[in-house]
Amino acid sequence: MNEDGAVLNPDVLRHRILSEQVALMCRLTTSPLFGSIFIGAIVAYLVSKDAGLPASIAWYAASIVIMLVRWRVAHAFVQRQRDYTEVLRWRSGMLMLIVLFGAIWSIP
């Protein structure tokens, strides 16, 4: 029950919880992503001795592009309320970008 004594609809609660979870993912992603710029530069420098400068720069550019896409998706999500199916799509998209970013980071 809420403050008014009314029983809350479980579907409404499920949608609200999912929306809040995805919004939390969006809010918590900004700082680590921008930290990745600096850490990525260090990794690119260290890897350039073994992999070569062109490969290192290509990896760093790919990681920055994925980082910017993730930041833009996170920023766009929190701009307005969305219905349940749209939140599910956004969540899936964000999780796929996280996996892609992890795959890019595993290359070095």
PDB file of N, CA and C in Angstrom:
ATOM      1  N   MET A   1       0.839  -1.185   0.000  1.00  0.00           N
ATOM      2  CA  MET A   1       0.000   0.000   0.000  1.00  0.00           C
ATOM      3  C   MET A   1       0.877   1.239   0.000  1.00  0.00           C
ATOM      4  N   ASN A   2       0.364   2.293  -0.601  1.00  0.00           N
ATOM      5  CA  ASN A   2       1.085   3.562  -0.558  1.00  0.00           C
ATOM      6  C   ASN A   2       0.470   4.472   0.500  1.00  0.00           C
ATOM      7  N   GLU A   3       0.857   5.758   0.504  1.00  0.00           N
ATOM      8  CA  GLU A   3       0.364   6.670   1.533  1.00  0.00           C
ATOM      9  C   GLU A   3      -1.151   6.850   1.504  1.00  0.00           C
ATOM     10  N   ASP A   4      -1.757   6.716   0.348  1.00  0.00           N
ATOM     11  CA  ASP A   4      -3.196   6.910   0.208  1.00  0.00           C
ATOM     12  C   ASP A   4      -3.986   5.671   0.612  1.00  0.00           C
ATOM     13  N   GLY A   5      -3.304   4.578   0.908  1.00  0.00           N
ATOM     14  CA  GLY A   5      -3.985   3.351   1.282  1.00  0.00           C
ATOM     15  C   GLY A   5      -4.381   2.508   0.084  1.00  0.00           C
ATOM     16  N   ALA A   6      -4.058   2.944  -1.130  1.00  0.00           N
ATOM     17  CA  ALA A   6      -4.425   2.189  -2.325  1.00  0.00           C
ATOM     18  C   ALA A   6      -3.368   1.124  -2.608  1.00  0.00           C
ATOM     19  N   VAL A   7      -3.790   0.005  -3.132  1.00  0.00           N
ATOM     20  CA  VAL A   7      -2.871  -1.062  -3.511  1.00  0.00           C
ATOM     21  C   VAL A   7      -2.271  -0.696  -4.861  1.00  0.00           C
ATOM     22  N   LEU A   8      -0.932  -0.784  -4.961  1.00  0.00           N
ATOM     23  CA  LEU A   8      -0.263  -0.441  -6.209  1.00  0.00           C
ATOM     24  C   LEU A   8      -0.303  -1.613  -7.176  1.00  0.00           C
ATOM     25  N   ASN A   9      -0.466  -1.306  -8.430  1.00  0.00           N
ATOM     26  CA  ASN A   9      -0.487  -2.292  -9.495  1.00  0.00           C
ATOM     27  C   ASN A   9       0.925  -2.865  -9.679  1.00  0.00           C
ATOM     28  N   PRO A  10       1.098  -4.195  -9.650  1.00  0.00           N
ATOM     29  CA  PRO A  10       2.434  -4.789  -9.810  1.00  0.00           C
ATOM     30  C   PRO A  10       3.092  -4.439 -11.138  1.00  0.00           C
ATOM     31  N   ASP A  11       2.292  -4.314 -12.215  1.00  0.00           N
ATOM     32  CA  ASP A  11       2.860  -3.947 -13.505  1.00  0.00           C
ATOM     33  C   ASP A  11       3.417  -2.537 -13.485  1.00  0.00           C
ATOM     34  N   VAL A  12       2.728  -1.637 -12.821  1.00  0.00           N
ATOM     35  CA  VAL A  12       3.201  -0.256 -12.700  1.00  0.00           C
ATOM     36  C   VAL A  12       4.495  -0.231 -11.892  1.00  0.00           C
ATOM     37  N   LEU A  13       4.532  -1.005 -10.819  1.00  0.00           N
ATOM     38  CA  LEU A  13       5.749  -1.074 -10.001  1.00  0.00           C
ATOM     39  C   LEU A  13       6.919  -1.661 -10.793  1.00  0.00           C
ATOM     40  N   ARG A  14       6.663  -2.728 -11.557  1.00  0.00           N
ATOM     41  CA  ARG A  14       7.708  -3.358 -12.360  1.00  0.00           C
ATOM     42  C   ARG A  14       8.270  -2.360 -13.371  1.00  0.00           C
ATOM     43  N   HIS A  15       7.388  -1.617 -14.034  1.00  0.00           N
ATOM     44  CA  HIS A  15       7.832  -0.618 -15.006  1.00  0.00           C
ATOM     45  C   HIS A  15       8.642   0.470 -14.321  1.00  0.00           C
ATOM     46  N   ARG A  16       8.169   0.921 -13.194  1.00  0.00           N
ATOM     47  CA  ARG A  16       8.864   1.992 -12.458  1.00  0.00           C
ATOM     48  C   ARG A  16      10.248   1.537 -11.997  1.00  0.00           C
ATOM     49  N   ILE A  17      10.337   0.307 -11.499  1.00  0.00           N
ATOM     50  CA  ILE A  17      11.622  -0.221 -11.033  1.00  0.00           C
ATOM     51  C   ILE A  17      12.594  -0.365 -12.195  1.00  0.00           C
ATOM     52  N   LEU A  18      12.122  -0.903 -13.316  1.00  0.00           N
ATOM     53  CA  LEU A  18      12.989  -1.061 -14.481  1.00  0.00           C
ATOM     54  C   LEU A  18      13.457   0.301 -14.982  1.00  0.00           C
ATOM     55  N   SER A  19      12.546   1.263 -15.039  1.00  0.00           N
ATOM     56  CA  SER A  19      12.919   2.605 -15.484  1.00  0.00           C
ATOM     57  C   SER A  19      13.973   3.208 -14.571  1.00  0.00           C
ATOM     58  N   GLU A  20      13.805   3.032 -13.269  1.00  0.00           N
ATOM     59  CA  GLU A  20      14.774   3.568 -12.313  1.00  0.00           C
ATOM     60  C   GLU A  20      16.119   2.854 -12.422  1.00  0.00           C
ATOM     61  N   GLN A  21      16.094   1.537 -12.682  1.00  0.00           N
ATOM     62  CA  GLN A  21      17.343   0.805 -12.847  1.00  0.00           C
ATOM     63  C   GLN A  21      18.124   1.296 -14.055  1.00  0.00           C
ATOM     64  N   VAL A  22      17.423   1.477 -15.172  1.00  0.00           N
ATOM     65  CA  VAL A  22      18.092   1.949 -16.380  1.00  0.00           C
ATOM     66  C   VAL A  22      18.573   3.386 -16.184  1.00  0.00           C
ATOM     67  N   ALA A  23      17.778   4.221 -15.538  1.00  0.00           N
ATOM     68  CA  ALA A  23      18.201   5.600 -15.266  1.00  0.00           C
ATOM     69  C   ALA A  23      19.432   5.612 -14.364  1.00  0.00           C
ATOM     70  N   LEU A  24      19.497   4.703 -13.401  1.00  0.00           N
ATOM     71  CA  LEU A  24      20.664   4.612 -12.534  1.00  0.00           C
ATOM     72  C   LEU A  24      21.890   4.181 -13.336  1.00  0.00           C
ATOM     73  N   MET A  25      21.709   3.223 -14.254  1.00  0.00           N
ATOM     74  CA  MET A  25      22.809   2.838 -15.136  1.00  0.00           C
ATOM     75  C   MET A  25      23.305   4.049 -15.914  1.00  0.00           C
ATOM     76  N   CYS A  26      22.381   4.870 -16.368  1.00  0.00           N
ATOM     77  CA  CYS A  26      22.746   6.052 -17.149  1.00  0.00           C
ATOM     78  C   CYS A  26      23.506   7.063 -16.294  1.00  0.00           C
ATOM     79  N   ARG A  27      23.019   7.302 -15.094  1.00  0.00           N
ATOM     80  CA  ARG A  27      23.676   8.288 -14.232  1.00  0.00           C
ATOM     81  C   ARG A  27      25.051   7.823 -13.777  1.00  0.00           C
ATOM     82  N   LEU A  28      25.220   6.533 -13.557  1.00  0.00           N
ATOM     83  CA  LEU A  28      26.488   6.015 -13.061  1.00  0.00           C
ATOM     84  C   LEU A  28      27.520   5.774 -14.155  1.00  0.00           C
ATOM     85  N   THR A  29      27.147   5.898 -15.397  1.00  0.00           N
ATOM     86  CA  THR A  29      28.065   5.576 -16.487  1.00  0.00           C
ATOM     87  C   THR A  29      28.944   6.753 -16.898  1.00  0.00           C
ATOM     88  N   THR A  30      28.569   7.973 -16.587  1.00  0.00           N
ATOM     89  CA  THR A  30      29.284   9.135 -17.108  1.00  0.00           C
ATOM     90  C   THR A  30      30.721   9.224 -16.608  1.00  0.00           C
ATOM     91  N   SER A  31      30.928   9.198 -15.313  1.00  0.00           N
ATOM     92  CA  SER A  31      32.286   9.336 -14.772  1.00  0.00           C
ATOM     93  C   SER A  31      33.229   8.231 -15.239  1.00  0.00           C
ATOM     94  N   PRO A  32      32.835   6.960 -15.164  1.00  0.00           N
ATOM     95  CA  PRO A  32      33.753   5.914 -15.644  1.00  0.00           C
ATOM     96  C   PRO A  32      34.081   6.040 -17.135  1.00  0.00           C
ATOM     97  N   LEU A  33      33.107   6.470 -17.923  1.00  0.00           N
ATOM     98  CA  LEU A  33      33.380   6.602 -19.352  1.00  0.00           C
ATOM     99  C   LEU A  33      34.411   7.684 -19.619  1.00  0.00           C
ATOM    100  N   PHE A  34      34.280   8.808 -18.957  1.00  0.00           N
ATOM    101  CA  PHE A  34      35.250   9.869 -19.187  1.00  0.00           C
ATOM    102  C   PHE A  34      36.596   9.530 -18.563  1.00  0.00           C
ATOM    103  N   GLY A  35      36.601   8.728 -17.511  1.00  0.00           N
ATOM    104  CA  GLY A  35      37.858   8.213 -16.986  1.00  0.00           C
ATOM    105  C   GLY A  35      38.536   7.291 -17.981  1.00  0.00           C
ATOM    106  N   SER A  36      37.734   6.625 -18.806  1.00  0.00           N
ATOM    107  CA  SER A  36      38.275   5.723 -19.820  1.00  0.00           C
ATOM    108  C   SER A  36      39.095   6.463 -20.867  1.00  0.00           C
ATOM    109  N   ILE A  37      38.825   7.740 -21.056  1.00  0.00           N
ATOM    110  CA  ILE A  37      39.622   8.527 -22.014  1.00  0.00           C
ATOM    111  C   ILE A  37      41.082   8.538 -21.579  1.00  0.00           C
ATOM    112  N   PHE A  38      41.309   8.828 -20.316  1.00  0.00           N
ATOM    113  CA  PHE A  38      42.678   8.922 -19.811  1.00  0.00           C
ATOM    114  C   PHE A  38      43.334   7.551 -19.677  1.00  0.00           C
ATOM    115  N   ILE A  39      42.597   6.593 -19.155  1.00  0.00           N
ATOM    116  CA  ILE A  39      43.145   5.241 -19.007  1.00  0.00           C
ATOM    117  C   ILE A  39      43.413   4.636 -20.383  1.00  0.00           C
ATOM    118  N   GLY A  40      42.503   4.898 -21.322  1.00  0.00           N
ATOM    119  CA  GLY A  40      42.695   4.396 -22.680  1.00  0.00           C
ATOM    120  C   GLY A  40      43.935   4.972 -23.338  1.00  0.00           C
ATOM    121  N   ALA A  41      44.210   6.249 -23.086  1.00  0.00           N
ATOM    122  CA  ALA A  41      45.422   6.864 -23.643  1.00  0.00           C
ATOM    123  C   ALA A  41      46.668   6.185 -23.085  1.00  0.00           C
ATOM    124  N   ILE A  42      46.650   5.864 -21.803  1.00  0.00           N
ATOM    125  CA  ILE A  42      47.794   5.179 -21.192  1.00  0.00           C
ATOM    126  C   ILE A  42      47.951   3.784 -21.787  1.00  0.00           C
ATOM    127  N   VAL A  43      46.841   3.059 -21.900  1.00  0.00           N
ATOM    128  CA  VAL A  43      46.897   1.707 -22.475  1.00  0.00           C
ATOM    129  C   VAL A  43      47.368   1.768 -23.927  1.00  0.00           C
ATOM    130  N   ALA A  44      46.855   2.731 -24.687  1.00  0.00           N
ATOM    131  CA  ALA A  44      47.263   2.864 -26.092  1.00  0.00           C
ATOM    132  C   ALA A  44      48.758   3.134 -26.193  1.00  0.00           C
ATOM    133  N   TYR A  45      49.267   3.964 -25.315  1.00  0.00           N
ATOM    134  CA  TYR A  45      50.704   4.249 -25.320  1.00  0.00           C
ATOM    135  C   TYR A  45      51.512   2.990 -24.997  1.00  0.00           C
ATOM    136  N   LEU A  46      51.096   2.264 -23.968  1.00  0.00           N
ATOM    137  CA  LEU A  46      51.828   1.060 -23.568  1.00  0.00           C
ATOM    138  C   LEU A  46      51.769  -0.034 -24.628  1.00  0.00           C
ATOM    139  N   VAL A  47      50.617  -0.163 -25.284  1.00  0.00           N
ATOM    140  CA  VAL A  47      50.449  -1.211 -26.296  1.00  0.00           C
ATOM    141  C   VAL A  47      51.131  -0.838 -27.607  1.00  0.00           C
ATOM    142  N   SER A  48      51.328   0.448 -27.845  1.00  0.00           N
ATOM    143  CA  SER A  48      51.907   0.888 -29.122  1.00  0.00           C
ATOM    144  C   SER A  48      53.301   0.324 -29.345  1.00  0.00           C
ATOM    145  N   LYS A  49      54.027   0.022 -28.278  1.00  0.00           N
ATOM    146  CA  LYS A  49      55.375  -0.542 -28.429  1.00  0.00           C
ATOM    147  C   LYS A  49      55.317  -1.961 -29.009  1.00  0.00           C
ATOM    148  N   ASP A  50      54.297  -2.716 -28.644  1.00  0.00           N
ATOM    149  CA  ASP A  50      54.181  -4.092 -29.143  1.00  0.00           C
ATOM    150  C   ASP A  50      53.342  -4.195 -30.413  1.00  0.00           C
ATOM    151  N   ALA A  51      52.221  -3.474 -30.457  1.00  0.00           N
ATOM    152  CA  ALA A  51      51.287  -3.605 -31.580  1.00  0.00           C
ATOM    153  C   ALA A  51      51.559  -2.612 -32.698  1.00  0.00           C
ATOM    154  N   GLY A  52      52.296  -1.585 -32.429  1.00  0.00           N
ATOM    155  CA  GLY A  52      52.549  -0.547 -33.424  1.00  0.00           C
ATOM    156  C   GLY A  52      51.616   0.633 -33.213  1.00  0.00           C
ATOM    157  N   LEU A  53      52.076   1.779 -33.628  1.00  0.00           N
ATOM    158  CA  LEU A  53      51.318   3.009 -33.413  1.00  0.00           C
ATOM    159  C   LEU A  53      49.985   3.039 -34.162  1.00  0.00           C
ATOM    160  N   PRO A  54      49.902   2.624 -35.442  1.00  0.00           N
ATOM    161  CA  PRO A  54      48.603   2.659 -36.130  1.00  0.00           C
ATOM    162  C   PRO A  54      47.537   1.783 -35.462  1.00  0.00           C
ATOM    163  N   ALA A  55      47.912   0.585 -35.051  1.00  0.00           N
ATOM    164  CA  ALA A  55      46.952  -0.303 -34.390  1.00  0.00           C
ATOM    165  C   ALA A  55      46.532   0.271 -33.048  1.00  0.00           C
ATOM    166  N   SER A  56      47.457   0.848 -32.338  1.00  0.00           N
ATOM    167  CA  SER A  56      47.161   1.439 -31.037  1.00  0.00           C
ATOM    168  C   SER A  56      46.218   2.631 -31.174  1.00  0.00           C
ATOM    169  N   ILE A  57      46.467   3.469 -32.164  1.00  0.00           N
ATOM    170  CA  ILE A  57      45.601   4.631 -32.405  1.00  0.00           C
ATOM    171  C   ILE A  57      44.219   4.174 -32.863  1.00  0.00           C
ATOM    172  N   ALA A  58      44.159   3.142 -33.710  1.00  0.00           N
ATOM    173  CA  ALA A  58      42.860   2.619 -34.165  1.00  0.00           C
ATOM    174  C   ALA A  58      42.055   2.076 -32.986  1.00  0.00           C
ATOM    175  N   TRP A  59      42.721   1.357 -32.083  1.00  0.00           N
ATOM    176  CA  TRP A  59      42.033   0.842 -30.895  1.00  0.00           C
ATOM    177  C   TRP A  59      41.526   1.981 -30.026  1.00  0.00           C
ATOM    178  N   TYR A  60      42.360   2.980 -29.814  1.00  0.00           N
ATOM    179  CA  TYR A  60      41.967   4.118 -28.975  1.00  0.00           C
ATOM    180  C   TYR A  60      40.801   4.882 -29.599  1.00  0.00           C
ATOM    181  N   ALA A  61      40.841   5.077 -30.912  1.00  0.00           N
ATOM    182  CA  ALA A  61      39.745   5.769 -31.605  1.00  0.00           C
ATOM    183  C   ALA A  61      38.447   4.964 -31.497  1.00  0.00           C
ATOM    184  N   ALA A  62      38.534   3.654 -31.666  1.00  0.00           N
ATOM    185  CA  ALA A  62      37.336   2.809 -31.545  1.00  0.00           C
ATOM    186  C   ALA A  62      36.771   2.867 -30.135  1.00  0.00           C
ATOM    187  N   SER A  63      37.631   2.853 -29.133  1.00  0.00           N
ATOM    188  CA  SER A  63      37.138   2.909 -27.756  1.00  0.00           C
ATOM    189  C   SER A  63      36.507   4.263 -27.457  1.00  0.00           C
ATOM    190  N   ILE A  64      37.042   5.331 -28.005  1.00  0.00           N
ATOM    191  CA  ILE A  64      36.442   6.661 -27.783  1.00  0.00           C
ATOM    192  C   ILE A  64      35.099   6.765 -28.489  1.00  0.00           C
ATOM    193  N   VAL A  65      34.989   6.212 -29.690  1.00  0.00           N
ATOM    194  CA  VAL A  65      33.705   6.251 -30.411  1.00  0.00           C
ATOM    195  C   VAL A  65      32.644   5.484 -29.624  1.00  0.00           C
ATOM    196  N   ILE A  66      32.973   4.284 -29.162  1.00  0.00           N
ATOM    197  CA  ILE A  66      32.014   3.500 -28.374  1.00  0.00           C
ATOM    198  C   ILE A  66      31.670   4.235 -27.079  1.00  0.00           C
ATOM    199  N   MET A  67      32.660   4.849 -26.454  1.00  0.00           N
ATOM    200  CA  MET A  67      32.418   5.596 -25.226  1.00  0.00           C
ATOM    201  C   MET A  67      31.455   6.760 -25.471  1.00  0.00           C
ATOM    202  N   LEU A  68      31.659   7.482 -26.544  1.00  0.00           N
ATOM    203  CA  LEU A  68      30.769   8.605 -26.862  1.00  0.00           C
ATOM    204  C   LEU A  68      29.350   8.130 -27.184  1.00  0.00           C
ATOM    205  N   VAL A  69      29.234   7.007 -27.874  1.00  0.00           N
ATOM    206  CA  VAL A  69      27.902   6.454 -28.160  1.00  0.00           C
ATOM    207  C   VAL A  69      27.213   6.055 -26.863  1.00  0.00           C
ATOM    208  N   ARG A  70      27.946   5.389 -25.962  1.00  0.00           N
ATOM    209  CA  ARG A  70      27.356   5.011 -24.673  1.00  0.00           C
ATOM    210  C   ARG A  70      26.923   6.232 -23.878  1.00  0.00           C
ATOM    211  N   TRP A  71      27.764   7.273 -23.871  1.00  0.00           N
ATOM    212  CA  TRP A  71      27.419   8.494 -23.138  1.00  0.00           C
ATOM    213  C   TRP A  71      26.180   9.143 -23.745  1.00  0.00           C
ATOM    214  N   ARG A  72      26.099   9.183 -25.064  1.00  0.00           N
ATOM    215  CA  ARG A  72      24.951   9.806 -25.734  1.00  0.00           C
ATOM    216  C   ARG A  72      23.672   9.019 -25.464  1.00  0.00           C
ATOM    217  N   VAL A  73      23.749   7.694 -25.501  1.00  0.00           N
ATOM    218  CA  VAL A  73      22.577   6.870 -25.214  1.00  0.00           C
ATOM    219  C   VAL A  73      22.116   7.096 -23.776  1.00  0.00           C
ATOM    220  N   ALA A  74      23.057   7.121 -22.843  1.00  0.00           N
ATOM    221  CA  ALA A  74      22.710   7.342 -21.437  1.00  0.00           C
ATOM    222  C   ALA A  74      22.086   8.719 -21.244  1.00  0.00           C
ATOM    223  N   HIS A  75      22.646   9.718 -21.889  1.00  0.00           N
ATOM    224  CA  HIS A  75      22.117  11.079 -21.763  1.00  0.00           C
ATOM    225  C   HIS A  75      20.720  11.187 -22.377  1.00  0.00           C
ATOM    226  N   ALA A  76      20.513  10.532 -23.510  1.00  0.00           N
ATOM    227  CA  ALA A  76      19.216  10.597 -24.182  1.00  0.00           C
ATOM    228  C   ALA A  76      18.128   9.892 -23.374  1.00  0.00           C
ATOM    229  N   PHE A  77      18.488   8.816 -22.669  1.00  0.00           N
ATOM    230  CA  PHE A  77      17.476   8.074 -21.924  1.00  0.00           C
ATOM    231  C   PHE A  77      16.863   8.905 -20.808  1.00  0.00           C
ATOM    232  N   VAL A  78      17.675   9.654 -20.101  1.00  0.00           N
ATOM    233  CA  VAL A  78      17.160  10.375 -18.932  1.00  0.00           C
ATOM    234  C   VAL A  78      16.416  11.660 -19.301  1.00  0.00           C
ATOM    235  N   GLN A  79      16.298  11.968 -20.569  1.00  0.00           N
ATOM    236  CA  GLN A  79      15.638  13.200 -20.993  1.00  0.00           C
ATOM    237  C   GLN A  79      14.123  13.163 -20.839  1.00  0.00           C
ATOM    238  N   ARG A  80      13.515  11.978 -20.910  1.00  0.00           N
ATOM    239  CA  ARG A  80      12.047  11.912 -20.806  1.00  0.00           C
ATOM    240  C   ARG A  80      11.606  10.538 -20.323  1.00  0.00           C
ATOM    241  N   GLN A  81      10.363  10.453 -19.868  1.00  0.00           N
ATOM    242  CA  GLN A  81       9.769   9.182 -19.444  1.00  0.00           C
ATOM    243  C   GLN A  81       9.499   8.311 -20.656  1.00  0.00           C
ATOM    244  N   ARG A  82       9.572   7.006 -20.477  1.00  0.00           N
ATOM    245  CA  ARG A  82       9.348   6.069 -21.576  1.00  0.00           C
ATOM    246  C   ARG A  82       8.424   4.950 -21.117  1.00  0.00           C
ATOM    247  N   ASP A  83       7.741   4.334 -22.086  1.00  0.00           N
ATOM    248  CA  ASP A  83       6.868   3.220 -21.705  1.00  0.00           C
ATOM    249  C   ASP A  83       7.700   1.949 -21.512  1.00  0.00           C
ATOM    250  N   TYR A  84       7.067   0.915 -21.005  1.00  0.00           N
ATOM    251  CA  TYR A  84       7.768  -0.291 -20.559  1.00  0.00           C
ATOM    252  C   TYR A  84       8.575  -0.953 -21.676  1.00  0.00           C
ATOM    253  N   THR A  85       7.975  -1.140 -22.851  1.00  0.00           N
ATOM    254  CA  THR A  85       8.681  -1.814 -23.945  1.00  0.00           C
ATOM    255  C   THR A  85       9.860  -0.979 -24.432  1.00  0.00           C
ATOM    256  N   GLU A  86       9.698   0.325 -24.415  1.00  0.00           N
ATOM    257  CA  GLU A  86      10.800   1.187 -24.831  1.00  0.00           C
ATOM    258  C   GLU A  86      11.941   1.135 -23.821  1.00  0.00           C
ATOM    259  N   VAL A  87      11.625   1.063 -22.541  1.00  0.00           N
ATOM    260  CA  VAL A  87      12.660   0.934 -21.512  1.00  0.00           C
ATOM    261  C   VAL A  87      13.414  -0.384 -21.688  1.00  0.00           C
ATOM    262  N   LEU A  88      12.698  -1.442 -22.007  1.00  0.00           N
ATOM    263  CA  LEU A  88      13.360  -2.730 -22.251  1.00  0.00           C
ATOM    264  C   LEU A  88      14.336  -2.643 -23.418  1.00  0.00           C
ATOM    265  N   ARG A  89      13.941  -1.951 -24.497  1.00  0.00           N
ATOM    266  CA  ARG A  89      14.834  -1.787 -25.652  1.00  0.00           C
ATOM    267  C   ARG A  89      16.064  -0.967 -25.275  1.00  0.00           C
ATOM    268  N   TRP A  90      15.853   0.117 -24.530  1.00  0.00           N
ATOM    269  CA  TRP A  90      16.982   0.950 -24.104  1.00  0.00           C
ATOM    270  C   TRP A  90      17.930   0.153 -23.218  1.00  0.00           C
ATOM    271  N   ARG A  91      17.377  -0.639 -22.305  1.00  0.00           N
ATOM    272  CA  ARG A  91      18.204  -1.457 -21.418  1.00  0.00           C
ATOM    273  C   ARG A  91      19.021  -2.460 -22.227  1.00  0.00           C
ATOM    274  N   SER A  92      18.388  -3.111 -23.189  1.00  0.00           N
ATOM    275  CA  SER A  92      19.104  -4.073 -24.033  1.00  0.00           C
ATOM    276  C   SER A  92      20.201  -3.385 -24.836  1.00  0.00           C
ATOM    277  N   GLY A  93      19.885  -2.228 -25.373  1.00  0.00           N
ATOM    278  CA  GLY A  93      20.886  -1.468 -26.124  1.00  0.00           C
ATOM    279  C   GLY A  93      22.071  -1.069 -25.267  1.00  0.00           C
ATOM    280  N   MET A  94      21.792  -0.609 -24.055  1.00  0.00           N
ATOM    281  CA  MET A  94      22.877  -0.221 -23.167  1.00  0.00           C
ATOM    282  C   MET A  94      23.733  -1.423 -22.786  1.00  0.00           C
ATOM    283  N   LEU A  95      23.097  -2.560 -22.521  1.00  0.00           N
ATOM    284  CA  LEU A  95      23.868  -3.753 -22.175  1.00  0.00           C
ATOM    285  C   LEU A  95      24.728  -4.223 -23.352  1.00  0.00           C
ATOM    286  N   MET A  96      24.207  -4.122 -24.579  1.00  0.00           N
ATOM    287  CA  MET A  96      24.999  -4.487 -25.753  1.00  0.00           C
ATOM    288  C   MET A  96      26.186  -3.547 -25.914  1.00  0.00           C
ATOM    289  N   LEU A  97      25.995  -2.252 -25.654  1.00  0.00           N
ATOM    290  CA  LEU A  97      27.108  -1.308 -25.736  1.00  0.00           C
ATOM    291  C   LEU A  97      28.146  -1.585 -24.658  1.00  0.00           C
ATOM    292  N   ILE A  98      27.703  -1.988 -23.472  1.00  0.00           N
ATOM    293  CA  ILE A  98      28.643  -2.342 -22.410  1.00  0.00           C
ATOM    294  C   ILE A  98      29.486  -3.540 -22.830  1.00  0.00           C
ATOM    295  N   VAL A  99      28.848  -4.548 -23.413  1.00  0.00           N
ATOM    296  CA  VAL A  99      29.576  -5.730 -23.878  1.00  0.00           C
ATOM    297  C   VAL A  99      30.544  -5.345 -24.988  1.00  0.00           C
ATOM    298  N   LEU A 100      30.106  -4.509 -25.925  1.00  0.00           N
ATOM    299  CA  LEU A 100      30.978  -4.073 -27.017  1.00  0.00           C
ATOM    300  C   LEU A 100      32.168  -3.290 -26.474  1.00  0.00           C
ATOM    301  N   PHE A 101      31.924  -2.405 -25.523  1.00  0.00           N
ATOM    302  CA  PHE A 101      33.005  -1.622 -24.921  1.00  0.00           C
ATOM    303  C   PHE A 101      33.986  -2.552 -24.197  1.00  0.00           C
ATOM    304  N   GLY A 102      33.463  -3.558 -23.498  1.00  0.00           N
ATOM    305  CA  GLY A 102      34.327  -4.538 -22.852  1.00  0.00           C
ATOM    306  C   GLY A 102      35.159  -5.325 -23.851  1.00  0.00           C
ATOM    307  N   ALA A 103      34.549  -5.656 -24.976  1.00  0.00           N
ATOM    308  CA  ALA A 103      35.280  -6.388 -26.020  1.00  0.00           C
ATOM    309  C   ALA A 103      36.403  -5.522 -26.603  1.00  0.00           C
ATOM    310  N   ILE A 104      36.121  -4.258 -26.812  1.00  0.00           N
ATOM    311  CA  ILE A 104      37.137  -3.333 -27.316  1.00  0.00           C
ATOM    312  C   ILE A 104      38.289  -3.236 -26.298  1.00  0.00           C
ATOM    313  N   TRP A 105      37.942  -3.141 -25.029  1.00  0.00           N
ATOM    314  CA  TRP A 105      38.968  -3.023 -23.981  1.00  0.00           C
ATOM    315  C   TRP A 105      39.775  -4.300 -23.836  1.00  0.00           C
ATOM    316  N   SER A 106      39.227  -5.429 -24.229  1.00  0.00           N
ATOM    317  CA  SER A 106      39.964  -6.679 -24.078  1.00  0.00           C
ATOM    318  C   SER A 106      40.981  -6.893 -25.199  1.00  0.00           C
ATOM    319  N   ILE A 107      40.920  -6.123 -26.243  1.00  0.00           N
ATOM    320  CA  ILE A 107      41.822  -6.297 -27.378  1.00  0.00           C
ATOM    321  C   ILE A 107      43.293  -6.125 -26.979  1.00  0.00           C
ATOM    322  N   PRO A 108      43.651  -5.075 -26.245  1.00  0.00           N
ATOM    323  CA  PRO A 108      45.086  -4.948 -25.895  1.00  0.00           C
ATOM    324  C   PRO A 108      45.579  -6.105 -25.067  1.00  0.00           C
TER     325      PRO A 108
END
